[in-house]
Amino acid sequence: MAETKDPHALPGADPHTGNRRIDPVTGYDTTGHDWGGIQELNTPFPKIAAVALLLTFLYSVVAWVLLPAWPTGRDYTRGLLGLDQGRMARDGYQAVDAVRQGWLARFAEPDFAALALDDLLMAQAMPAAARLFADTCAACHGSAGAGGPGFPALDDADWLWGGEPETLAETIALGINATDDSRVAEMPVFDWLEPADRQALATYVAALPQGKAPPDSPGATLFAENCAACHGDGGSGGLLAGAPSLTDASVIYGQNEATILTTLRHGRRGFMPAWSQRLSPAEINLLALYITTLQKAKP
């Protein structure tokens, strides 16, 4: 005859006798669950967990009353403490900006030589200048000013209009091909040349950085007739004309024959925004002085 279980037996009790099963090691009741010979203990809820839950609840009530807690559409309740993180952030920014404006005013009408010799001022200004460079210049010129395809390097001694702080500040303020007052840098299209002449000219220009361009080649003649007016005799560059040197490693677009042929067929027209519309004169001067330090920082 099949045995029946007592429906009124306690959890963990013997189903036949109704007596509770006690774990002989811990002395706790068991739940009656058996997992491969391992009995599940019917242990009480930990007191420390109950205390933690109670403290958490009490803290939430106190925080709900004292701190900002509930949104009210486009605003929120301030709590009894009246905290406003937006106002706190604005106050903190204004305090930092007040200190910044103190030393930044020194750059409004600068004597770059004197500013560079002021070690205390430079220690304050250069970290801010590095952040300003990262925000405004690094996207094109690279985080360390090393340049890239289509954008000149700022960490060497090769410049289109000059690398002195005064000249750099003017370039930053005016931009390149940005407004009517900007500096102008444009390479015209030479697609009117015969393909053979373009190839000879490209071969000659590609050999200039290595000093291997033959002076009596057809390419040399074509260069003298069409390119030297801007790039200078021998390709040394046209300072203040926006025409880069073709004899060094600082080539904006590359100087292999294929790239040069592309330049001859389609021309080039650089662009740099006029930062005078976005930065103050003091910030422009600070940025110009910072750029002069990139060459010194280059390994």
C-alpha atoms as a PDB file:
ATOM      1  CA  MET A   1       0.000   0.000   0.000  1.00  0.00           C
ATOM      2  CA  ALA A   2       1.405   3.434  -0.943  1.00  0.00           C
ATOM      3  CA  GLU A   3       2.450   5.729   1.893  1.00  0.00           C
ATOM      4  CA  THR A   4       0.801   9.173   2.227  1.00  0.00           C
ATOM      5  CA  LYS A   5       2.390  12.374   3.427  1.00  0.00           C
ATOM      6  CA  ASP A   6       0.926  14.445   6.248  1.00  0.00           C
ATOM      7  CA  PRO A   7      -0.244  17.756   4.657  1.00  0.00           C
ATOM      8  CA  HIS A   8       0.137  19.469   8.035  1.00  0.00           C
ATOM      9  CA  ALA A   9       3.757  18.481   8.531  1.00  0.00           C
ATOM     10  CA  LEU A  10       6.249  21.330   9.188  1.00  0.00           C
ATOM     11  CA  PRO A  11       8.727  22.324   6.460  1.00  0.00           C
ATOM     12  CA  GLY A  12      11.631  19.925   6.582  1.00  0.00           C
ATOM     13  CA  ALA A  13       9.707  17.458   8.740  1.00  0.00           C
ATOM     14  CA  ASP A  14       9.805  13.766   8.134  1.00  0.00           C
ATOM     15  CA  PRO A  15       6.862  13.097   5.788  1.00  0.00           C
ATOM     16  CA  HIS A  16       5.910   9.979   7.734  1.00  0.00           C
ATOM     17  CA  THR A  17       6.306  10.997  11.367  1.00  0.00           C
ATOM     18  CA  GLY A  18       5.845  14.777  11.080  1.00  0.00           C
ATOM     19  CA  ASN A  19       8.929  15.346  13.240  1.00  0.00           C
ATOM     20  CA  ARG A  20      11.348  18.068  12.143  1.00  0.00           C
ATOM     21  CA  ARG A  21      14.654  17.011  10.706  1.00  0.00           C
ATOM     22  CA  ILE A  22      17.552  18.719  12.486  1.00  0.00           C
ATOM     23  CA  ASP A  23      20.952  19.069  10.862  1.00  0.00           C
ATOM     24  CA  PRO A  24      23.345  17.371  13.287  1.00  0.00           C
ATOM     25  CA  VAL A  25      26.228  19.719  12.503  1.00  0.00           C
ATOM     26  CA  THR A  26      24.598  23.157  12.709  1.00  0.00           C
ATOM     27  CA  GLY A  27      21.499  22.358  14.716  1.00  0.00           C
ATOM     28  CA  TYR A  28      19.247  24.152  12.154  1.00  0.00           C
ATOM     29  CA  ASP A  29      16.050  22.751  10.782  1.00  0.00           C
ATOM     30  CA  THR A  30      16.181  21.491   7.243  1.00  0.00           C
ATOM     31  CA  THR A  31      13.734  22.405   4.505  1.00  0.00           C
ATOM     32  CA  GLY A  32      13.365  18.864   3.272  1.00  0.00           C
ATOM     33  CA  HIS A  33      15.154  19.629   0.028  1.00  0.00           C
ATOM     34  CA  ASP A  34      17.899  17.183  -0.783  1.00  0.00           C
ATOM     35  CA  TRP A  35      20.510  17.974  -3.445  1.00  0.00           C
ATOM     36  CA  GLY A  36      22.542  14.853  -4.077  1.00  0.00           C
ATOM     37  CA  GLY A  37      22.688  14.049  -0.405  1.00  0.00           C
ATOM     38  CA  ILE A  38      23.151  17.655   0.698  1.00  0.00           C
ATOM     39  CA  GLN A  39      20.332  18.898   2.931  1.00  0.00           C
ATOM     40  CA  GLU A  40      19.161  22.506   2.543  1.00  0.00           C
ATOM     41  CA  LEU A  41      19.125  24.319   5.878  1.00  0.00           C
ATOM     42  CA  ASN A  42      16.176  26.419   6.964  1.00  0.00           C
ATOM     43  CA  THR A  43      18.411  29.239   8.288  1.00  0.00           C
ATOM     44  CA  PRO A  44      16.914  32.511   9.543  1.00  0.00           C
ATOM     45  CA  PHE A  45      17.230  35.761   7.575  1.00  0.00           C
ATOM     46  CA  PRO A  46      20.596  37.396   8.488  1.00  0.00           C
ATOM     47  CA  LYS A  47      20.191  40.217  10.979  1.00  0.00           C
ATOM     48  CA  ILE A  48      22.916  42.280   9.304  1.00  0.00           C
ATOM     49  CA  ALA A  49      20.959  42.189   6.041  1.00  0.00           C
ATOM     50  CA  ALA A  50      17.802  43.305   7.822  1.00  0.00           C
ATOM     51  CA  VAL A  51      19.718  46.174   9.465  1.00  0.00           C
ATOM     52  CA  ALA A  52      21.230  47.188   6.098  1.00  0.00           C
ATOM     53  CA  LEU A  53      17.792  47.248   4.468  1.00  0.00           C
ATOM     54  CA  LEU A  54      16.391  49.348   7.306  1.00  0.00           C
ATOM     55  CA  LEU A  55      19.280  51.840   7.126  1.00  0.00           C
ATOM     56  CA  THR A  56      18.909  52.062   3.348  1.00  0.00           C
ATOM     57  CA  PHE A  57      15.230  52.847   3.700  1.00  0.00           C
ATOM     58  CA  LEU A  58      15.871  55.478   6.365  1.00  0.00           C
ATOM     59  CA  TYR A  59      18.582  57.094   4.214  1.00  0.00           C
ATOM     60  CA  SER A  60      16.262  57.219   1.205  1.00  0.00           C
ATOM     61  CA  VAL A  61      13.623  59.009   3.273  1.00  0.00           C
ATOM     62  CA  VAL A  62      16.140  61.537   4.615  1.00  0.00           C
ATOM     63  CA  ALA A  63      17.635  62.097   1.135  1.00  0.00           C
ATOM     64  CA  TRP A  64      14.146  62.504  -0.344  1.00  0.00           C
ATOM     65  CA  VAL A  65      13.464  65.305   2.138  1.00  0.00           C
ATOM     66  CA  LEU A  66      16.850  67.069   2.136  1.00  0.00           C
ATOM     67  CA  LEU A  67      18.195  66.670  -1.411  1.00  0.00           C
ATOM     68  CA  PRO A  68      16.916  67.375  -4.948  1.00  0.00           C
ATOM     69  CA  ALA A  69      14.693  64.436  -5.706  1.00  0.00           C
ATOM     70  CA  TRP A  70      11.650  64.939  -7.897  1.00  0.00           C
ATOM     71  CA  PRO A  71      11.430  66.327 -11.447  1.00  0.00           C
ATOM     72  CA  THR A  72       8.773  68.960 -12.005  1.00  0.00           C
ATOM     73  CA  GLY A  73       8.760  69.228 -15.771  1.00  0.00           C
ATOM     74  CA  ARG A  74      11.642  71.506 -16.758  1.00  0.00           C
ATOM     75  CA  ASP A  75      12.839  71.905 -13.171  1.00  0.00           C
ATOM     76  CA  TYR A  76      13.150  69.788 -10.021  1.00  0.00           C
ATOM     77  CA  THR A  77      12.580  70.049  -6.274  1.00  0.00           C
ATOM     78  CA  ARG A  78      15.550  71.445  -4.352  1.00  0.00           C
ATOM     79  CA  GLY A  79      14.904  69.705  -1.022  1.00  0.00           C
ATOM     80  CA  LEU A  80      15.271  71.369   2.378  1.00  0.00           C
ATOM     81  CA  LEU A  81      18.985  72.013   1.693  1.00  0.00           C
ATOM     82  CA  GLY A  82      18.113  73.975  -1.435  1.00  0.00           C
ATOM     83  CA  LEU A  83      20.913  72.422  -3.515  1.00  0.00           C
ATOM     84  CA  ASP A  84      21.206  73.388  -7.194  1.00  0.00           C
ATOM     85  CA  GLN A  85      23.998  71.590  -9.059  1.00  0.00           C
ATOM     86  CA  GLY A  86      23.560  73.790 -12.134  1.00  0.00           C
ATOM     87  CA  ARG A  87      24.222  76.900 -10.056  1.00  0.00           C
ATOM     88  CA  MET A  88      27.118  75.181  -8.284  1.00  0.00           C
ATOM     89  CA  ALA A  89      28.684  74.308 -11.651  1.00  0.00           C
ATOM     90  CA  ARG A  90      28.269  77.882 -12.907  1.00  0.00           C
ATOM     91  CA  ASP A  91      29.777  79.300  -9.722  1.00  0.00           C
ATOM     92  CA  GLY A  92      32.731  76.929 -10.009  1.00  0.00           C
ATOM     93  CA  TYR A  93      33.294  77.862 -13.654  1.00  0.00           C
ATOM     94  CA  GLN A  94      33.124  81.578 -12.873  1.00  0.00           C
ATOM     95  CA  ALA A  95      35.699  81.157 -10.100  1.00  0.00           C
ATOM     96  CA  VAL A  96      38.076  79.305 -12.427  1.00  0.00           C
ATOM     97  CA  ASP A  97      37.464  81.784 -15.243  1.00  0.00           C
ATOM     98  CA  ALA A  98      38.208  84.730 -12.938  1.00  0.00           C
ATOM     99  CA  VAL A  99      41.654  83.283 -12.219  1.00  0.00           C
ATOM    100  CA  ARG A 100      42.176  82.531 -15.924  1.00  0.00           C
ATOM    101  CA  GLN A 101      41.255  86.038 -17.000  1.00  0.00           C
ATOM    102  CA  GLY A 102      43.861  87.404 -14.631  1.00  0.00           C
ATOM    103  CA  TRP A 103      46.823  85.920 -16.490  1.00  0.00           C
ATOM    104  CA  LEU A 104      45.122  85.809 -19.917  1.00  0.00           C
ATOM    105  CA  ALA A 105      44.882  89.611 -19.925  1.00  0.00           C
ATOM    106  CA  ARG A 106      48.677  89.674 -20.174  1.00  0.00           C
ATOM    107  CA  PHE A 107      48.359  88.295 -23.718  1.00  0.00           C
ATOM    108  CA  ALA A 108      45.958  90.937 -25.027  1.00  0.00           C
ATOM    109  CA  GLU A 109      48.716  93.245 -26.315  1.00  0.00           C
ATOM    110  CA  PRO A 110      51.699  90.983 -26.011  1.00  0.00           C
ATOM    111  CA  ASP A 111      55.399  91.392 -26.004  1.00  0.00           C
ATOM    112  CA  PHE A 112      56.047  87.802 -27.021  1.00  0.00           C
ATOM    113  CA  ALA A 113      59.709  87.863 -26.048  1.00  0.00           C
ATOM    114  CA  ALA A 114      58.906  89.107 -22.527  1.00  0.00           C
ATOM    115  CA  LEU A 115      56.026  86.677 -22.145  1.00  0.00           C
ATOM    116  CA  ALA A 116      58.207  83.717 -23.105  1.00  0.00           C
ATOM    117  CA  LEU A 117      60.749  84.682 -20.441  1.00  0.00           C
ATOM    118  CA  ASP A 118      58.140  84.851 -17.664  1.00  0.00           C
ATOM    119  CA  ASP A 119      58.411  81.305 -16.280  1.00  0.00           C
ATOM    120  CA  LEU A 120      55.562  81.697 -13.786  1.00  0.00           C
ATOM    121  CA  LEU A 121      53.196  83.013 -16.444  1.00  0.00           C
ATOM    122  CA  MET A 122      54.172  80.294 -18.908  1.00  0.00           C
ATOM    123  CA  ALA A 123      53.595  77.621 -16.257  1.00  0.00           C
ATOM    124  CA  GLN A 124      50.035  78.930 -15.860  1.00  0.00           C
ATOM    125  CA  ALA A 125      49.343  79.603 -19.516  1.00  0.00           C
ATOM    126  CA  MET A 126      50.799  76.649 -21.430  1.00  0.00           C
ATOM    127  CA  PRO A 127      48.476  73.938 -20.027  1.00  0.00           C
ATOM    128  CA  ALA A 128      45.510  76.130 -20.975  1.00  0.00           C
ATOM    129  CA  ALA A 129      47.112  76.806 -24.365  1.00  0.00           C
ATOM    130  CA  ALA A 130      47.503  73.063 -24.956  1.00  0.00           C
ATOM    131  CA  ARG A 131      43.783  72.563 -24.307  1.00  0.00           C
ATOM    132  CA  LEU A 132      42.965  75.482 -26.604  1.00  0.00           C
ATOM    133  CA  PHE A 133      45.143  73.936 -29.331  1.00  0.00           C
ATOM    134  CA  ALA A 134      43.423  70.570 -28.875  1.00  0.00           C
ATOM    135  CA  ASP A 135      40.005  72.220 -29.209  1.00  0.00           C
ATOM    136  CA  THR A 136      40.729  74.411 -32.227  1.00  0.00           C
ATOM    137  CA  CYS A 137      43.734  73.064 -34.160  1.00  0.00           C
ATOM    138  CA  ALA A 138      44.381  69.395 -33.415  1.00  0.00           C
ATOM    139  CA  ALA A 139      41.556  68.093 -35.617  1.00  0.00           C
ATOM    140  CA  CYS A 140      43.515  69.213 -38.712  1.00  0.00           C
ATOM    141  CA  HIS A 141      47.116  69.651 -37.588  1.00  0.00           C
ATOM    142  CA  GLY A 142      47.311  66.691 -35.196  1.00  0.00           C
ATOM    143  CA  SER A 143      47.466  66.602 -31.403  1.00  0.00           C
ATOM    144  CA  ALA A 144      51.203  67.417 -31.430  1.00  0.00           C
ATOM    145  CA  GLY A 145      51.125  69.645 -34.528  1.00  0.00           C
ATOM    146  CA  ALA A 146      52.689  67.023 -36.801  1.00  0.00           C
ATOM    147  CA  GLY A 147      50.221  67.784 -39.605  1.00  0.00           C
ATOM    148  CA  GLY A 148      48.777  65.339 -42.091  1.00  0.00           C
ATOM    149  CA  PRO A 149      47.642  64.966 -45.705  1.00  0.00           C
ATOM    150  CA  GLY A 150      46.386  68.400 -46.729  1.00  0.00           C
ATOM    151  CA  PHE A 151      47.400  70.079 -43.460  1.00  0.00           C
ATOM    152  CA  PRO A 152      50.892  71.480 -42.800  1.00  0.00           C
ATOM    153  CA  ALA A 153      53.071  70.473 -39.876  1.00  0.00           C
ATOM    154  CA  LEU A 154      53.457  73.058 -37.122  1.00  0.00           C
ATOM    155  CA  ASP A 155      56.323  71.379 -35.270  1.00  0.00           C
ATOM    156  CA  ASP A 156      59.126  72.161 -37.734  1.00  0.00           C
ATOM    157  CA  ALA A 157      60.910  75.217 -39.137  1.00  0.00           C
ATOM    158  CA  ASP A 158      59.141  75.242 -42.521  1.00  0.00           C
ATOM    159  CA  TRP A 159      56.425  77.901 -42.822  1.00  0.00           C
ATOM    160  CA  LEU A 160      54.369  79.399 -45.618  1.00  0.00           C
ATOM    161  CA  TRP A 161      54.137  82.884 -44.080  1.00  0.00           C
ATOM    162  CA  GLY A 162      56.639  82.713 -41.235  1.00  0.00           C
ATOM    163  CA  GLY A 163      56.825  81.021 -37.862  1.00  0.00           C
ATOM    164  CA  GLU A 164      57.352  84.011 -35.568  1.00  0.00           C
ATOM    165  CA  PRO A 165      54.634  84.462 -32.901  1.00  0.00           C
ATOM    166  CA  GLU A 166      53.511  87.761 -34.416  1.00  0.00           C
ATOM    167  CA  THR A 167      53.113  86.194 -37.867  1.00  0.00           C
ATOM    168  CA  LEU A 168      51.413  83.095 -36.481  1.00  0.00           C
ATOM    169  CA  ALA A 169      48.919  85.245 -34.584  1.00  0.00           C
ATOM    170  CA  GLU A 170      48.105  87.078 -37.802  1.00  0.00           C
ATOM    171  CA  THR A 171      47.631  83.817 -39.715  1.00  0.00           C
ATOM    172  CA  ILE A 172      45.388  82.411 -36.969  1.00  0.00           C
ATOM    173  CA  ALA A 173      43.300  85.568 -36.893  1.00  0.00           C
ATOM    174  CA  LEU A 174      42.904  85.960 -40.666  1.00  0.00           C
ATOM    175  CA  GLY A 175      42.728  82.331 -41.741  1.00  0.00           C
ATOM    176  CA  ILE A 176      43.548  81.033 -45.214  1.00  0.00           C
ATOM    177  CA  ASN A 177      41.109  81.397 -48.103  1.00  0.00           C
ATOM    178  CA  ALA A 178      38.359  81.984 -45.522  1.00  0.00           C
ATOM    179  CA  THR A 179      37.356  85.635 -46.006  1.00  0.00           C
ATOM    180  CA  ASP A 180      38.302  88.563 -48.236  1.00  0.00           C
ATOM    181  CA  ASP A 181      40.978  89.534 -45.706  1.00  0.00           C
ATOM    182  CA  SER A 182      42.437  86.042 -45.353  1.00  0.00           C
ATOM    183  CA  ARG A 183      45.797  84.912 -46.592  1.00  0.00           C
ATOM    184  CA  VAL A 184      45.570  83.357 -50.043  1.00  0.00           C
ATOM    185  CA  ALA A 185      47.040  79.981 -50.899  1.00  0.00           C
ATOM    186  CA  GLU A 186      46.005  78.413 -54.176  1.00  0.00           C
ATOM    187  CA  MET A 187      47.703  76.157 -56.651  1.00  0.00           C
ATOM    188  CA  PRO A 188      46.263  76.696 -60.151  1.00  0.00           C
ATOM    189  CA  VAL A 189      45.227  73.890 -62.451  1.00  0.00           C
ATOM    190  CA  PHE A 190      47.817  72.908 -65.065  1.00  0.00           C
ATOM    191  CA  ASP A 191      45.621  70.572 -67.086  1.00  0.00           C
ATOM    192  CA  TRP A 192      46.409  72.663 -70.155  1.00  0.00           C
ATOM    193  CA  LEU A 193      49.890  71.144 -70.214  1.00  0.00           C
ATOM    194  CA  GLU A 194      50.430  68.179 -72.478  1.00  0.00           C
ATOM    195  CA  PRO A 195      50.411  64.842 -70.610  1.00  0.00           C
ATOM    196  CA  ALA A 196      54.075  64.302 -71.472  1.00  0.00           C
ATOM    197  CA  ASP A 197      54.971  67.734 -70.074  1.00  0.00           C
ATOM    198  CA  ARG A 198      53.012  67.079 -66.868  1.00  0.00           C
ATOM    199  CA  GLN A 199      54.839  63.784 -66.461  1.00  0.00           C
ATOM    200  CA  ALA A 200      58.241  65.440 -66.999  1.00  0.00           C
ATOM    201  CA  LEU A 201      57.370  68.171 -64.495  1.00  0.00           C
ATOM    202  CA  ALA A 202      56.139  65.621 -61.924  1.00  0.00           C
ATOM    203  CA  THR A 203      59.319  63.582 -62.289  1.00  0.00           C
ATOM    204  CA  TYR A 204      61.449  66.681 -61.753  1.00  0.00           C
ATOM    205  CA  VAL A 205      59.526  67.891 -58.681  1.00  0.00           C
ATOM    206  CA  ALA A 206      59.476  64.422 -57.101  1.00  0.00           C
ATOM    207  CA  ALA A 207      63.294  64.376 -57.251  1.00  0.00           C
ATOM    208  CA  LEU A 208      63.771  67.789 -55.581  1.00  0.00           C
ATOM    209  CA  PRO A 209      63.745  66.627 -51.897  1.00  0.00           C
ATOM    210  CA  GLN A 210      66.565  64.165 -52.609  1.00  0.00           C
ATOM    211  CA  GLY A 211      68.566  66.762 -54.526  1.00  0.00           C
ATOM    212  CA  LYS A 212      68.492  64.514 -57.585  1.00  0.00           C
ATOM    213  CA  ALA A 213      66.468  66.706 -59.927  1.00  0.00           C
ATOM    214  CA  PRO A 214      68.582  67.180 -63.124  1.00  0.00           C
ATOM    215  CA  PRO A 215      68.872  70.922 -63.838  1.00  0.00           C
ATOM    216  CA  ASP A 216      69.049  70.391 -67.616  1.00  0.00           C
ATOM    217  CA  SER A 217      65.980  68.171 -67.901  1.00  0.00           C
ATOM    218  CA  PRO A 218      62.747  69.143 -69.678  1.00  0.00           C
ATOM    219  CA  GLY A 219      61.098  69.139 -66.248  1.00  0.00           C
ATOM    220  CA  ALA A 220      63.524  71.788 -65.001  1.00  0.00           C
ATOM    221  CA  THR A 221      62.672  74.040 -67.931  1.00  0.00           C
ATOM    222  CA  LEU A 222      58.949  73.568 -67.348  1.00  0.00           C
ATOM    223  CA  PHE A 223      59.410  74.299 -63.641  1.00  0.00           C
ATOM    224  CA  ALA A 224      61.274  77.538 -64.329  1.00  0.00           C
ATOM    225  CA  GLU A 225      58.584  78.680 -66.760  1.00  0.00           C
ATOM    226  CA  ASN A 226      55.497  77.693 -64.755  1.00  0.00           C
ATOM    227  CA  CYS A 227      56.325  77.118 -61.075  1.00  0.00           C
ATOM    228  CA  ALA A 228      59.319  79.202 -59.982  1.00  0.00           C
ATOM    229  CA  ALA A 229      57.293  82.427 -59.806  1.00  0.00           C
ATOM    230  CA  CYS A 230      55.522  81.062 -56.711  1.00  0.00           C
ATOM    231  CA  HIS A 231      57.720  78.236 -55.426  1.00  0.00           C
ATOM    232  CA  GLY A 232      61.019  80.032 -55.979  1.00  0.00           C
ATOM    233  CA  ASP A 233      64.036  79.086 -58.013  1.00  0.00           C
ATOM    234  CA  GLY A 234      64.830  75.457 -57.395  1.00  0.00           C
ATOM    235  CA  GLY A 235      61.572  74.986 -55.445  1.00  0.00           C
ATOM    236  CA  SER A 236      62.767  76.511 -52.183  1.00  0.00           C
ATOM    237  CA  GLY A 237      59.326  77.977 -51.475  1.00  0.00           C
ATOM    238  CA  GLY A 238      57.591  81.308 -51.728  1.00  0.00           C
ATOM    239  CA  LEU A 239      57.501  82.842 -48.250  1.00  0.00           C
ATOM    240  CA  LEU A 240      54.496  85.158 -47.798  1.00  0.00           C
ATOM    241  CA  ALA A 241      52.995  83.842 -51.042  1.00  0.00           C
ATOM    242  CA  GLY A 242      51.539  80.639 -49.600  1.00  0.00           C
ATOM    243  CA  ALA A 243      53.650  78.481 -51.908  1.00  0.00           C
ATOM    244  CA  PRO A 244      55.353  75.662 -49.957  1.00  0.00           C
ATOM    245  CA  SER A 245      58.910  74.540 -50.373  1.00  0.00           C
ATOM    246  CA  LEU A 246      59.277  71.496 -52.595  1.00  0.00           C
ATOM    247  CA  THR A 247      62.798  70.637 -51.500  1.00  0.00           C
ATOM    248  CA  ASP A 248      62.226  69.362 -47.948  1.00  0.00           C
ATOM    249  CA  ALA A 249      60.230  66.685 -46.171  1.00  0.00           C
ATOM    250  CA  SER A 250      57.406  69.005 -45.084  1.00  0.00           C
ATOM    251  CA  VAL A 251      55.149  68.450 -48.074  1.00  0.00           C
ATOM    252  CA  ILE A 252      51.470  68.963 -47.359  1.00  0.00           C
ATOM    253  CA  TYR A 253      49.964  66.648 -49.975  1.00  0.00           C
ATOM    254  CA  GLY A 254      52.861  64.291 -50.660  1.00  0.00           C
ATOM    255  CA  GLN A 255      55.583  64.417 -53.269  1.00  0.00           C
ATOM    256  CA  ASN A 256      55.493  61.200 -55.201  1.00  0.00           C
ATOM    257  CA  GLU A 257      54.853  61.429 -58.937  1.00  0.00           C
ATOM    258  CA  ALA A 258      51.248  60.224 -58.734  1.00  0.00           C
ATOM    259  CA  THR A 259      50.317  62.878 -56.142  1.00  0.00           C
ATOM    260  CA  ILE A 260      52.090  65.607 -58.076  1.00  0.00           C
ATOM    261  CA  LEU A 261      50.240  64.640 -61.259  1.00  0.00           C
ATOM    262  CA  THR A 262      46.962  64.885 -59.332  1.00  0.00           C
ATOM    263  CA  THR A 263      47.960  68.338 -58.113  1.00  0.00           C
ATOM    264  CA  LEU A 264      48.850  69.486 -61.617  1.00  0.00           C
ATOM    265  CA  ARG A 265      45.585  68.213 -63.093  1.00  0.00           C
ATOM    266  CA  HIS A 266      43.245  69.484 -60.367  1.00  0.00           C
ATOM    267  CA  GLY A 267      45.126  72.178 -58.473  1.00  0.00           C
ATOM    268  CA  ARG A 268      45.066  72.710 -54.700  1.00  0.00           C
ATOM    269  CA  ARG A 269      43.326  75.213 -52.495  1.00  0.00           C
ATOM    270  CA  GLY A 270      44.000  75.103 -48.778  1.00  0.00           C
ATOM    271  CA  PHE A 271      41.570  76.351 -46.173  1.00  0.00           C
ATOM    272  CA  MET A 272      41.858  77.525 -42.589  1.00  0.00           C
ATOM    273  CA  PRO A 273      39.068  79.364 -40.737  1.00  0.00           C
ATOM    274  CA  ALA A 274      39.550  82.915 -39.536  1.00  0.00           C
ATOM    275  CA  TRP A 275      39.701  82.359 -35.786  1.00  0.00           C
ATOM    276  CA  SER A 276      39.289  86.062 -34.997  1.00  0.00           C
ATOM    277  CA  GLN A 277      35.545  85.448 -35.221  1.00  0.00           C
ATOM    278  CA  ARG A 278      35.673  82.805 -32.479  1.00  0.00           C
ATOM    279  CA  LEU A 279      38.693  83.543 -30.282  1.00  0.00           C
ATOM    280  CA  SER A 280      39.645  86.686 -28.422  1.00  0.00           C
ATOM    281  CA  PRO A 281      42.875  88.518 -29.355  1.00  0.00           C
ATOM    282  CA  ALA A 282      44.433  87.287 -26.111  1.00  0.00           C
ATOM    283  CA  GLU A 283      43.546  83.662 -26.924  1.00  0.00           C
ATOM    284  CA  ILE A 284      44.964  84.005 -30.440  1.00  0.00           C
ATOM    285  CA  ASN A 285      48.228  85.391 -29.076  1.00  0.00           C
ATOM    286  CA  LEU A 286      48.369  82.630 -26.472  1.00  0.00           C
ATOM    287  CA  LEU A 287      47.828  80.028 -29.196  1.00  0.00           C
ATOM    288  CA  ALA A 288      50.536  81.569 -31.392  1.00  0.00           C
ATOM    289  CA  LEU A 289      53.063  81.462 -28.551  1.00  0.00           C
ATOM    290  CA  TYR A 290      52.131  77.856 -27.803  1.00  0.00           C
ATOM    291  CA  ILE A 291      52.693  76.812 -31.432  1.00  0.00           C
ATOM    292  CA  THR A 292      56.246  78.149 -31.266  1.00  0.00           C
ATOM    293  CA  THR A 293      56.939  75.639 -28.473  1.00  0.00           C
ATOM    294  CA  LEU A 294      55.887  72.619 -30.552  1.00  0.00           C
ATOM    295  CA  GLN A 295      59.170  72.523 -32.473  1.00  0.00           C
ATOM    296  CA  LYS A 296      61.127  72.505 -29.202  1.00  0.00           C
ATOM    297  CA  ALA A 297      58.937  69.704 -27.830  1.00  0.00           C
ATOM    298  CA  LYS A 298      59.415  67.524 -30.921  1.00  0.00           C
ATOM    299  CA  PRO A 299      61.698  64.507 -30.222  1.00  0.00           C
END
